[in-house]
Amino acid sequence: MSVIIASVLLPFLPETPIQLLVEGLLYDFGQLTLPFDNVDEEYLKKPRKFNMKGLKHFMFVMGPLSSAFDLIVFAFLWFVFGIREAAIFQTVWFTYSIVSNLFGMHIIRTAKIPFVQSNAHKFVYISSIALCIIGIIVPFTWLGQVIGLVPIPLYLLSIIIGIPVLYCFVALFVKKLYEKKYGEWI
């Protein structure tokens, strides 16, 4: 949703199709470790049926939250940092998206507080860290050049890392409200 909104409001695409495909591929590599993930014990004690209604509630709560943070990134890039060059804007968005999605994966994988009350399998942690680093490095490589990314100033890492961290705290709060309202986490 946020990419559609940004595509309408910006004078260029926030991300090119090839950048979106490479970003998705990198993120998908991170998902390959999820079959090894640790499941919270209470989910193993009592099997649960797939709840389509719960999934719908989840999408209507967490989807807009995620899109709101994406739009915050767009606003910061455009209004605060004054970035009008498509390649720099797209590079920050590409890298932010990878980091944000991998951080977000840890928030939604458990009803508990990730890293504190519930730990992912070491493979999940290793792949998340490795792919965040790869996402940050790609714009400085030949692959980055091929897909239209450019090296960015280091101060822009404040958005790439800072906003996903802020998202994690807000998402934890929203997750607690969601559980209170619906009585469970998806």
N, C-alpha and C. Protein backbone atom coordinates (compact mmCIF):
# COMPACT_ATOMS: atom_id res chain seq x y z
N MET A 1 0.83 -1.19 0.00
CA MET A 1 0.00 0.00 0.00
C MET A 1 0.87 1.26 0.00
N SER A 2 1.90 1.24 0.83
CA SER A 2 2.75 2.43 0.95
C SER A 2 3.51 2.72 -0.35
N VAL A 3 3.92 1.68 -1.05
CA VAL A 3 4.62 1.89 -2.32
C VAL A 3 3.67 2.49 -3.35
N ILE A 4 2.42 2.07 -3.34
CA ILE A 4 1.43 2.64 -4.27
C ILE A 4 1.22 4.12 -3.96
N ILE A 5 1.06 4.43 -2.68
CA ILE A 5 0.86 5.83 -2.28
C ILE A 5 2.07 6.66 -2.68
N ALA A 6 3.27 6.16 -2.39
CA ALA A 6 4.49 6.90 -2.74
C ALA A 6 4.64 7.04 -4.25
N SER A 7 4.23 6.03 -5.00
CA SER A 7 4.33 6.10 -6.46
C SER A 7 3.45 7.21 -7.03
N VAL A 8 2.34 7.47 -6.37
CA VAL A 8 1.44 8.53 -6.81
C VAL A 8 1.99 9.90 -6.42
N LEU A 9 2.59 9.99 -5.22
CA LEU A 9 3.02 11.28 -4.70
C LEU A 9 4.41 11.72 -5.14
N LEU A 10 5.29 10.78 -5.41
CA LEU A 10 6.66 11.12 -5.79
C LEU A 10 6.79 11.29 -7.30
N PRO A 11 7.77 12.07 -7.75
CA PRO A 11 7.97 12.24 -9.19
C PRO A 11 8.74 11.07 -9.84
N PHE A 12 9.02 10.03 -9.04
CA PHE A 12 9.71 8.83 -9.54
C PHE A 12 9.21 7.65 -8.72
N LEU A 13 9.48 6.45 -9.19
CA LEU A 13 9.10 5.26 -8.44
C LEU A 13 9.96 5.15 -7.18
N PRO A 14 9.37 4.80 -6.04
CA PRO A 14 10.17 4.66 -4.83
C PRO A 14 11.12 3.48 -4.92
N GLU A 15 10.83 2.57 -5.82
CA GLU A 15 11.68 1.40 -6.04
C GLU A 15 11.37 0.87 -7.43
N THR A 16 12.40 0.49 -8.16
CA THR A 16 12.17 -0.06 -9.50
C THR A 16 11.77 -1.53 -9.38
N PRO A 17 11.16 -2.07 -10.43
CA PRO A 17 10.76 -3.49 -10.37
C PRO A 17 11.93 -4.43 -10.08
N ILE A 18 13.09 -4.21 -10.69
CA ILE A 18 14.22 -5.11 -10.45
C ILE A 18 14.71 -4.99 -9.00
N GLN A 19 14.68 -3.78 -8.46
CA GLN A 19 15.07 -3.60 -7.06
C GLN A 19 14.10 -4.34 -6.14
N LEU A 20 12.82 -4.25 -6.45
CA LEU A 20 11.81 -4.93 -5.66
C LEU A 20 12.00 -6.45 -5.71
N LEU A 21 12.33 -6.96 -6.89
CA LEU A 21 12.56 -8.41 -7.03
C LEU A 21 13.80 -8.86 -6.24
N VAL A 22 14.89 -8.12 -6.33
CA VAL A 22 16.10 -8.48 -5.59
C VAL A 22 15.85 -8.38 -4.09
N GLU A 23 15.17 -7.33 -3.66
CA GLU A 23 14.81 -7.17 -2.25
C GLU A 23 13.98 -8.36 -1.77
N GLY A 24 12.99 -8.73 -2.55
CA GLY A 24 12.14 -9.87 -2.20
C GLY A 24 12.92 -11.16 -2.13
N LEU A 25 13.85 -11.35 -3.06
CA LEU A 25 14.69 -12.54 -3.07
C LEU A 25 15.55 -12.61 -1.81
N LEU A 26 16.16 -11.49 -1.45
CA LEU A 26 16.98 -11.46 -0.22
C LEU A 26 16.12 -11.75 1.01
N TYR A 27 14.96 -11.13 1.08
CA TYR A 27 14.07 -11.37 2.22
C TYR A 27 13.62 -12.83 2.25
N ASP A 28 13.35 -13.41 1.08
CA ASP A 28 12.93 -14.81 1.03
C ASP A 28 14.03 -15.74 1.54
N PHE A 29 15.28 -15.40 1.29
CA PHE A 29 16.37 -16.22 1.83
C PHE A 29 16.29 -16.25 3.36
N GLY A 30 15.93 -15.14 3.95
CA GLY A 30 15.77 -15.09 5.40
C GLY A 30 14.65 -15.99 5.89
N GLN A 31 13.62 -16.15 5.06
CA GLN A 31 12.49 -17.00 5.43
C GLN A 31 12.83 -18.48 5.36
N LEU A 32 13.87 -18.83 4.62
CA LEU A 32 14.24 -20.24 4.48
C LEU A 32 14.67 -20.87 5.81
N THR A 33 15.05 -20.06 6.77
CA THR A 33 15.46 -20.61 8.06
C THR A 33 14.29 -20.81 9.02
N LEU A 34 13.12 -20.30 8.69
CA LEU A 34 11.97 -20.40 9.60
C LEU A 34 11.55 -21.84 9.93
N PRO A 35 11.71 -22.81 9.03
CA PRO A 35 11.36 -24.18 9.44
C PRO A 35 12.20 -24.68 10.64
N PHE A 36 13.35 -24.09 10.86
CA PHE A 36 14.19 -24.48 12.00
C PHE A 36 13.82 -23.73 13.28
N ASP A 37 12.94 -22.75 13.17
CA ASP A 37 12.66 -21.85 14.27
C ASP A 37 12.09 -22.57 15.49
N ASN A 38 12.35 -22.00 16.64
CA ASN A 38 11.78 -22.49 17.89
C ASN A 38 10.35 -21.99 17.99
N VAL A 39 9.46 -22.87 18.40
CA VAL A 39 8.06 -22.50 18.60
C VAL A 39 7.85 -22.36 20.10
N ASP A 40 7.13 -21.34 20.50
CA ASP A 40 6.83 -21.16 21.91
C ASP A 40 6.12 -22.40 22.46
N GLU A 41 6.49 -22.78 23.67
CA GLU A 41 6.03 -24.04 24.26
C GLU A 41 4.51 -24.17 24.31
N GLU A 42 3.82 -23.09 24.62
CA GLU A 42 2.36 -23.17 24.72
C GLU A 42 1.69 -23.53 23.40
N TYR A 43 2.36 -23.26 22.29
CA TYR A 43 1.81 -23.63 20.99
C TYR A 43 2.00 -25.12 20.72
N LEU A 44 2.99 -25.71 21.38
CA LEU A 44 3.24 -27.14 21.21
C LEU A 44 2.34 -27.98 22.12
N LYS A 45 1.94 -27.43 23.27
CA LYS A 45 1.12 -28.18 24.22
C LYS A 45 -0.28 -28.45 23.69
N LYS A 46 -0.86 -27.44 23.04
CA LYS A 46 -2.23 -27.58 22.54
C LYS A 46 -2.27 -27.14 21.07
N PRO A 47 -2.51 -28.09 20.17
CA PRO A 47 -2.59 -27.72 18.75
C PRO A 47 -3.69 -26.70 18.50
N ARG A 48 -3.45 -25.84 17.54
CA ARG A 48 -4.43 -24.82 17.19
C ARG A 48 -4.84 -25.01 15.74
N LYS A 49 -6.10 -24.71 15.48
CA LYS A 49 -6.59 -24.75 14.11
C LYS A 49 -6.26 -23.43 13.42
N PHE A 50 -6.12 -23.51 12.11
CA PHE A 50 -5.89 -22.30 11.33
C PHE A 50 -7.10 -21.40 11.47
N ASN A 51 -6.87 -20.15 11.79
CA ASN A 51 -7.96 -19.21 12.06
C ASN A 51 -7.93 -18.09 11.02
N MET A 52 -8.76 -18.24 10.00
CA MET A 52 -8.80 -17.25 8.92
C MET A 52 -9.26 -15.89 9.43
N LYS A 53 -10.22 -15.88 10.36
CA LYS A 53 -10.72 -14.64 10.92
C LYS A 53 -9.59 -13.92 11.68
N GLY A 54 -8.80 -14.70 12.43
CA GLY A 54 -7.66 -14.12 13.16
C GLY A 54 -6.62 -13.55 12.20
N LEU A 55 -6.39 -14.24 11.09
CA LEU A 55 -5.44 -13.75 10.09
C LEU A 55 -5.93 -12.43 9.49
N LYS A 56 -7.23 -12.35 9.25
CA LYS A 56 -7.81 -11.12 8.71
C LYS A 56 -7.63 -9.97 9.71
N HIS A 57 -7.91 -10.23 10.98
CA HIS A 57 -7.70 -9.20 12.00
C HIS A 57 -6.24 -8.75 12.03
N PHE A 58 -5.35 -9.73 11.98
CA PHE A 58 -3.92 -9.44 11.99
C PHE A 58 -3.55 -8.52 10.82
N MET A 59 -4.03 -8.85 9.64
CA MET A 59 -3.70 -8.06 8.45
C MET A 59 -4.24 -6.64 8.57
N PHE A 60 -5.44 -6.48 9.12
CA PHE A 60 -6.04 -5.16 9.24
C PHE A 60 -5.42 -4.31 10.35
N VAL A 61 -4.68 -4.94 11.25
CA VAL A 61 -4.00 -4.20 12.32
C VAL A 61 -2.54 -3.95 11.96
N MET A 62 -1.82 -5.01 11.67
CA MET A 62 -0.38 -4.88 11.45
C MET A 62 -0.03 -4.33 10.07
N GLY A 63 -0.86 -4.60 9.07
CA GLY A 63 -0.59 -4.08 7.73
C GLY A 63 -0.56 -2.56 7.70
N PRO A 64 -1.61 -1.90 8.17
CA PRO A 64 -1.59 -0.43 8.19
C PRO A 64 -0.47 0.14 9.08
N LEU A 65 -0.16 -0.55 10.16
CA LEU A 65 0.94 -0.08 11.02
C LEU A 65 2.25 -0.09 10.23
N SER A 66 2.50 -1.17 9.54
CA SER A 66 3.71 -1.28 8.73
C SER A 66 3.73 -0.22 7.63
N SER A 67 2.60 -0.03 6.97
CA SER A 67 2.52 0.99 5.91
C SER A 67 2.73 2.39 6.46
N ALA A 68 2.23 2.65 7.66
CA ALA A 68 2.43 3.97 8.28
C ALA A 68 3.91 4.24 8.49
N PHE A 69 4.65 3.23 8.92
CA PHE A 69 6.09 3.42 9.11
C PHE A 69 6.79 3.60 7.78
N ASP A 70 6.35 2.91 6.75
CA ASP A 70 6.91 3.11 5.42
C ASP A 70 6.71 4.55 4.97
N LEU A 71 5.51 5.07 5.19
CA LEU A 71 5.22 6.45 4.80
C LEU A 71 6.04 7.45 5.63
N ILE A 72 6.33 7.10 6.87
CA ILE A 72 7.21 7.94 7.69
C ILE A 72 8.60 8.00 7.06
N VAL A 73 9.07 6.85 6.58
CA VAL A 73 10.39 6.83 5.91
C VAL A 73 10.35 7.72 4.67
N PHE A 74 9.31 7.58 3.85
CA PHE A 74 9.19 8.42 2.66
C PHE A 74 9.20 9.90 3.04
N ALA A 75 8.45 10.25 4.07
CA ALA A 75 8.37 11.65 4.50
C ALA A 75 9.72 12.15 5.00
N PHE A 76 10.42 11.34 5.77
CA PHE A 76 11.74 11.73 6.26
C PHE A 76 12.70 11.94 5.10
N LEU A 77 12.70 11.01 4.16
CA LEU A 77 13.62 11.14 3.02
C LEU A 77 13.32 12.41 2.22
N TRP A 78 12.04 12.68 2.00
CA TRP A 78 11.65 13.81 1.16
C TRP A 78 11.73 15.15 1.89
N PHE A 79 11.12 15.22 3.08
CA PHE A 79 10.99 16.50 3.77
C PHE A 79 12.13 16.82 4.75
N VAL A 80 12.62 15.83 5.46
CA VAL A 80 13.68 16.08 6.45
C VAL A 80 15.06 16.09 5.80
N PHE A 81 15.34 15.05 5.01
CA PHE A 81 16.65 14.96 4.38
C PHE A 81 16.70 15.61 3.00
N GLY A 82 15.56 15.98 2.45
CA GLY A 82 15.51 16.67 1.17
C GLY A 82 16.03 15.87 0.00
N ILE A 83 15.86 14.58 0.03
CA ILE A 83 16.38 13.73 -1.05
C ILE A 83 15.41 13.78 -2.23
N ARG A 84 15.92 14.30 -3.34
CA ARG A 84 15.12 14.40 -4.55
C ARG A 84 15.69 13.54 -5.68
N GLU A 85 16.85 12.96 -5.46
CA GLU A 85 17.48 12.11 -6.46
C GLU A 85 16.93 10.70 -6.34
N ALA A 86 16.36 10.20 -7.42
CA ALA A 86 15.68 8.90 -7.41
C ALA A 86 16.59 7.78 -6.92
N ALA A 87 17.82 7.72 -7.42
CA ALA A 87 18.71 6.60 -7.08
C ALA A 87 19.01 6.54 -5.58
N ILE A 88 19.24 7.69 -4.96
CA ILE A 88 19.52 7.70 -3.51
C ILE A 88 18.26 7.30 -2.74
N PHE A 89 17.13 7.88 -3.12
CA PHE A 89 15.85 7.56 -2.49
C PHE A 89 15.58 6.06 -2.59
N GLN A 90 15.73 5.51 -3.78
CA GLN A 90 15.47 4.09 -4.01
C GLN A 90 16.44 3.20 -3.24
N THR A 91 17.68 3.63 -3.14
CA THR A 91 18.67 2.85 -2.40
C THR A 91 18.33 2.79 -0.92
N VAL A 92 17.97 3.93 -0.35
CA VAL A 92 17.59 3.94 1.07
C VAL A 92 16.34 3.08 1.27
N TRP A 93 15.38 3.21 0.37
CA TRP A 93 14.15 2.42 0.51
C TRP A 93 14.43 0.92 0.39
N PHE A 94 15.27 0.54 -0.57
CA PHE A 94 15.66 -0.86 -0.78
C PHE A 94 16.26 -1.43 0.51
N THR A 95 17.23 -0.73 1.05
CA THR A 95 17.93 -1.22 2.24
C THR A 95 17.01 -1.20 3.46
N TYR A 96 16.26 -0.11 3.62
CA TYR A 96 15.32 -0.02 4.74
C TYR A 96 14.32 -1.17 4.69
N SER A 97 13.81 -1.48 3.53
CA SER A 97 12.79 -2.54 3.40
C SER A 97 13.32 -3.89 3.86
N ILE A 98 14.55 -4.19 3.50
CA ILE A 98 15.14 -5.47 3.91
C ILE A 98 15.30 -5.50 5.42
N VAL A 99 15.90 -4.46 5.98
CA VAL A 99 16.13 -4.41 7.43
C VAL A 99 14.80 -4.42 8.18
N SER A 100 13.87 -3.62 7.74
CA SER A 100 12.57 -3.51 8.40
C SER A 100 11.81 -4.84 8.38
N ASN A 101 11.79 -5.49 7.24
CA ASN A 101 11.08 -6.77 7.13
C ASN A 101 11.69 -7.84 8.03
N LEU A 102 13.01 -7.86 8.10
CA LEU A 102 13.66 -8.86 8.94
C LEU A 102 13.46 -8.56 10.42
N PHE A 103 13.49 -7.29 10.81
CA PHE A 103 13.18 -6.93 12.20
C PHE A 103 11.73 -7.31 12.50
N GLY A 104 10.83 -6.96 11.59
CA GLY A 104 9.41 -7.22 11.79
C GLY A 104 9.10 -8.70 11.91
N MET A 105 9.84 -9.52 11.19
CA MET A 105 9.64 -10.97 11.27
C MET A 105 9.81 -11.45 12.71
N HIS A 106 10.76 -10.89 13.41
CA HIS A 106 11.00 -11.31 14.79
C HIS A 106 9.88 -10.84 15.72
N ILE A 107 9.26 -9.73 15.40
CA ILE A 107 8.16 -9.22 16.22
C ILE A 107 6.92 -10.10 16.05
N ILE A 108 6.61 -10.49 14.82
CA ILE A 108 5.36 -11.21 14.59
C ILE A 108 5.47 -12.72 14.79
N ARG A 109 6.67 -13.26 14.93
CA ARG A 109 6.82 -14.71 15.04
C ARG A 109 6.37 -15.27 16.38
N THR A 110 6.14 -14.41 17.35
CA THR A 110 5.75 -14.86 18.68
C THR A 110 4.81 -13.86 19.34
N ALA A 111 3.99 -14.37 20.23
CA ALA A 111 3.13 -13.48 21.02
C ALA A 111 3.93 -12.83 22.14
N LYS A 112 5.08 -13.39 22.44
CA LYS A 112 5.91 -12.88 23.53
C LYS A 112 6.83 -11.76 23.03
N ILE A 113 7.64 -11.25 23.94
CA ILE A 113 8.62 -10.23 23.56
C ILE A 113 9.83 -10.95 22.95
N PRO A 114 10.07 -10.71 21.66
CA PRO A 114 11.20 -11.40 21.02
C PRO A 114 12.53 -10.97 21.64
N PHE A 115 13.48 -11.85 21.60
CA PHE A 115 14.84 -11.65 22.12
C PHE A 115 14.89 -11.68 23.64
N VAL A 116 13.74 -11.55 24.31
CA VAL A 116 13.71 -11.52 25.78
C VAL A 116 12.95 -12.73 26.30
N GLN A 117 11.69 -12.86 25.91
CA GLN A 117 10.84 -13.95 26.38
C GLN A 117 10.79 -15.12 25.41
N SER A 118 11.13 -14.88 24.17
CA SER A 118 11.08 -15.92 23.14
C SER A 118 12.25 -15.72 22.19
N ASN A 119 13.05 -16.75 22.06
CA ASN A 119 14.21 -16.66 21.17
C ASN A 119 14.02 -17.51 19.94
N ALA A 120 14.36 -16.93 18.83
CA ALA A 120 14.34 -17.67 17.57
C ALA A 120 15.52 -18.65 17.56
N HIS A 121 15.47 -19.58 16.64
CA HIS A 121 16.59 -20.51 16.46
C HIS A 121 17.81 -19.73 15.99
N LYS A 122 18.98 -20.21 16.30
CA LYS A 122 20.20 -19.49 15.93
C LYS A 122 20.32 -19.30 14.42
N PHE A 123 19.79 -20.23 13.62
CA PHE A 123 19.82 -20.06 12.17
C PHE A 123 19.00 -18.84 11.74
N VAL A 124 17.87 -18.61 12.42
CA VAL A 124 17.02 -17.46 12.10
C VAL A 124 17.76 -16.17 12.44
N TYR A 125 18.40 -16.14 13.61
CA TYR A 125 19.17 -14.96 14.00
C TYR A 125 20.33 -14.71 13.03
N ILE A 126 21.06 -15.76 12.72
CA ILE A 126 22.23 -15.62 11.83
C ILE A 126 21.80 -15.12 10.46
N SER A 127 20.73 -15.71 9.91
CA SER A 127 20.29 -15.27 8.57
C SER A 127 19.77 -13.84 8.61
N SER A 128 19.08 -13.46 9.67
CA SER A 128 18.56 -12.09 9.78
C SER A 128 19.70 -11.09 9.82
N ILE A 129 20.68 -11.35 10.65
CA ILE A 129 21.83 -10.44 10.77
C ILE A 129 22.60 -10.39 9.45
N ALA A 130 22.86 -11.56 8.88
CA ALA A 130 23.62 -11.62 7.62
C ALA A 130 22.89 -10.87 6.50
N LEU A 131 21.58 -11.07 6.39
CA LEU A 131 20.84 -10.42 5.31
C LEU A 131 20.69 -8.92 5.53
N CYS A 132 20.61 -8.48 6.78
CA CYS A 132 20.62 -7.02 7.03
C CYS A 132 21.94 -6.42 6.57
N ILE A 133 23.03 -7.09 6.90
CA ILE A 133 24.36 -6.62 6.48
C ILE A 133 24.47 -6.63 4.96
N ILE A 134 24.01 -7.71 4.33
CA ILE A 134 24.04 -7.79 2.87
C ILE A 134 23.20 -6.67 2.26
N GLY A 135 22.01 -6.43 2.83
CA GLY A 135 21.14 -5.36 2.32
C GLY A 135 21.80 -4.00 2.39
N ILE A 136 22.58 -3.77 3.44
CA ILE A 136 23.29 -2.49 3.59
C ILE A 136 24.48 -2.40 2.64
N ILE A 137 25.11 -3.53 2.37
CA ILE A 137 26.32 -3.54 1.54
C ILE A 137 26.02 -3.55 0.03
N VAL A 138 24.92 -4.18 -0.38
CA VAL A 138 24.61 -4.34 -1.81
C VAL A 138 24.75 -3.03 -2.61
N PRO A 139 24.26 -1.89 -2.11
CA PRO A 139 24.40 -0.67 -2.92
C PRO A 139 25.85 -0.27 -3.22
N PHE A 140 26.78 -0.79 -2.50
CA PHE A 140 28.20 -0.46 -2.70
C PHE A 140 28.89 -1.47 -3.61
N THR A 141 28.12 -2.42 -4.19
CA THR A 141 28.70 -3.49 -5.01
C THR A 141 28.28 -3.35 -6.47
N TRP A 142 28.86 -4.21 -7.31
CA TRP A 142 28.50 -4.24 -8.72
C TRP A 142 27.03 -4.62 -8.90
N LEU A 143 26.50 -5.51 -8.05
CA LEU A 143 25.09 -5.88 -8.13
C LEU A 143 24.21 -4.66 -7.88
N GLY A 144 24.58 -3.87 -6.90
CA GLY A 144 23.84 -2.65 -6.62
C GLY A 144 23.82 -1.73 -7.83
N GLN A 145 24.97 -1.57 -8.47
CA GLN A 145 25.05 -0.72 -9.66
C GLN A 145 24.16 -1.26 -10.78
N VAL A 146 24.18 -2.58 -10.97
CA VAL A 146 23.40 -3.20 -12.04
C VAL A 146 21.90 -2.94 -11.85
N ILE A 147 21.44 -2.94 -10.60
CA ILE A 147 20.00 -2.76 -10.37
C ILE A 147 19.63 -1.31 -10.04
N GLY A 148 20.59 -0.39 -10.23
CA GLY A 148 20.29 1.03 -10.10
C GLY A 148 20.47 1.62 -8.71
N LEU A 149 21.13 0.89 -7.81
CA LEU A 149 21.40 1.42 -6.48
C LEU A 149 22.72 2.17 -6.49
N VAL A 150 22.88 3.07 -5.53
CA VAL A 150 24.11 3.86 -5.44
C VAL A 150 24.60 3.86 -4.00
N PRO A 151 25.91 4.05 -3.81
CA PRO A 151 26.39 4.20 -2.44
C PRO A 151 25.71 5.41 -1.79
N ILE A 152 25.34 5.26 -0.55
CA ILE A 152 24.64 6.35 0.16
C ILE A 152 25.50 6.86 1.30
N PRO A 153 25.30 8.12 1.68
CA PRO A 153 26.03 8.64 2.84
C PRO A 153 25.66 7.86 4.10
N LEU A 154 26.61 7.68 4.98
CA LEU A 154 26.39 6.88 6.18
C LEU A 154 25.33 7.46 7.11
N TYR A 155 25.11 8.78 7.08
CA TYR A 155 24.10 9.35 7.97
C TYR A 155 22.69 8.81 7.66
N LEU A 156 22.47 8.30 6.44
CA LEU A 156 21.17 7.75 6.09
C LEU A 156 20.92 6.40 6.76
N LEU A 157 21.96 5.82 7.34
CA LEU A 157 21.76 4.59 8.11
C LEU A 157 20.87 4.84 9.33
N SER A 158 20.77 6.12 9.74
CA SER A 158 19.89 6.44 10.87
C SER A 158 18.44 6.07 10.54
N ILE A 159 18.04 6.24 9.30
CA ILE A 159 16.69 5.84 8.88
C ILE A 159 16.62 4.33 8.72
N ILE A 160 17.62 3.77 8.07
CA ILE A 160 17.63 2.35 7.75
C ILE A 160 17.60 1.49 9.01
N ILE A 161 18.22 1.94 10.07
CA ILE A 161 18.24 1.17 11.31
C ILE A 161 17.30 1.76 12.36
N GLY A 162 17.26 3.07 12.46
CA GLY A 162 16.48 3.72 13.51
C GLY A 162 14.98 3.50 13.41
N ILE A 163 14.42 3.64 12.22
CA ILE A 163 12.97 3.51 12.08
C ILE A 163 12.52 2.05 12.29
N PRO A 164 13.24 1.04 11.80
CA PRO A 164 12.84 -0.33 12.15
C PRO A 164 12.89 -0.62 13.66
N VAL A 165 13.86 -0.04 14.35
CA VAL A 165 13.91 -0.22 15.81
C VAL A 165 12.69 0.44 16.45
N LEU A 166 12.36 1.65 16.02
CA LEU A 166 11.17 2.33 16.52
C LEU A 166 9.91 1.51 16.20
N TYR A 167 9.85 0.97 14.98
CA TYR A 167 8.72 0.13 14.59
C TYR A 167 8.57 -1.05 15.55
N CYS A 168 9.68 -1.68 15.93
CA CYS A 168 9.63 -2.83 16.83
C CYS A 168 8.95 -2.46 18.15
N PHE A 169 9.31 -1.33 18.72
CA PHE A 169 8.71 -0.91 19.99
C PHE A 169 7.23 -0.61 19.83
N VAL A 170 6.88 0.10 18.77
CA VAL A 170 5.47 0.41 18.54
C VAL A 170 4.68 -0.86 18.23
N ALA A 171 5.26 -1.75 17.43
CA ALA A 171 4.58 -3.01 17.09
C ALA A 171 4.38 -3.88 18.33
N LEU A 172 5.33 -3.87 19.26
CA LEU A 172 5.14 -4.62 20.51
C LEU A 172 3.95 -4.08 21.28
N PHE A 173 3.83 -2.77 21.34
CA PHE A 173 2.71 -2.14 22.03
C PHE A 173 1.39 -2.49 21.33
N VAL A 174 1.37 -2.38 20.00
CA VAL A 174 0.17 -2.69 19.23
C VAL A 174 -0.17 -4.18 19.38
N LYS A 175 0.84 -5.02 19.43
CA LYS A 175 0.63 -6.46 19.60
C LYS A 175 -0.10 -6.74 20.92
N LYS A 176 0.29 -6.06 21.98
CA LYS A 176 -0.37 -6.23 23.28
C LYS A 176 -1.83 -5.76 23.21
N LEU A 177 -2.08 -4.65 22.53
CA LEU A 177 -3.46 -4.17 22.36
C LEU A 177 -4.28 -5.17 21.54
N TYR A 178 -3.65 -5.71 20.51
CA TYR A 178 -4.31 -6.71 19.65
C TYR A 178 -4.69 -7.93 20.48
N GLU A 179 -3.76 -8.43 21.28
CA GLU A 179 -4.03 -9.61 22.11
C GLU A 179 -5.15 -9.33 23.12
N LYS A 180 -5.15 -8.12 23.65
CA LYS A 180 -6.19 -7.74 24.61
C LYS A 180 -7.56 -7.73 23.92
N LYS A 181 -7.62 -7.21 22.72
CA LYS A 181 -8.88 -7.10 22.00
C LYS A 181 -9.37 -8.44 21.47
N TYR A 182 -8.46 -9.25 20.87
CA TYR A 182 -8.86 -10.48 20.22
C TYR A 182 -8.58 -11.74 21.04
N GLY A 183 -7.90 -11.59 22.17
CA GLY A 183 -7.67 -12.73 23.05
C GLY A 183 -6.58 -13.68 22.62
N GLU A 184 -5.90 -13.39 21.56
CA GLU A 184 -4.80 -14.26 21.11
C GLU A 184 -3.95 -13.53 20.09
N TRP A 185 -2.77 -14.06 19.87
CA TRP A 185 -1.90 -13.60 18.79
C TRP A 185 -2.03 -14.62 17.68
N ILE A 186 -2.11 -14.16 16.46
CA ILE A 186 -2.40 -15.03 15.33
C ILE A 186 -1.83 -16.39 15.55
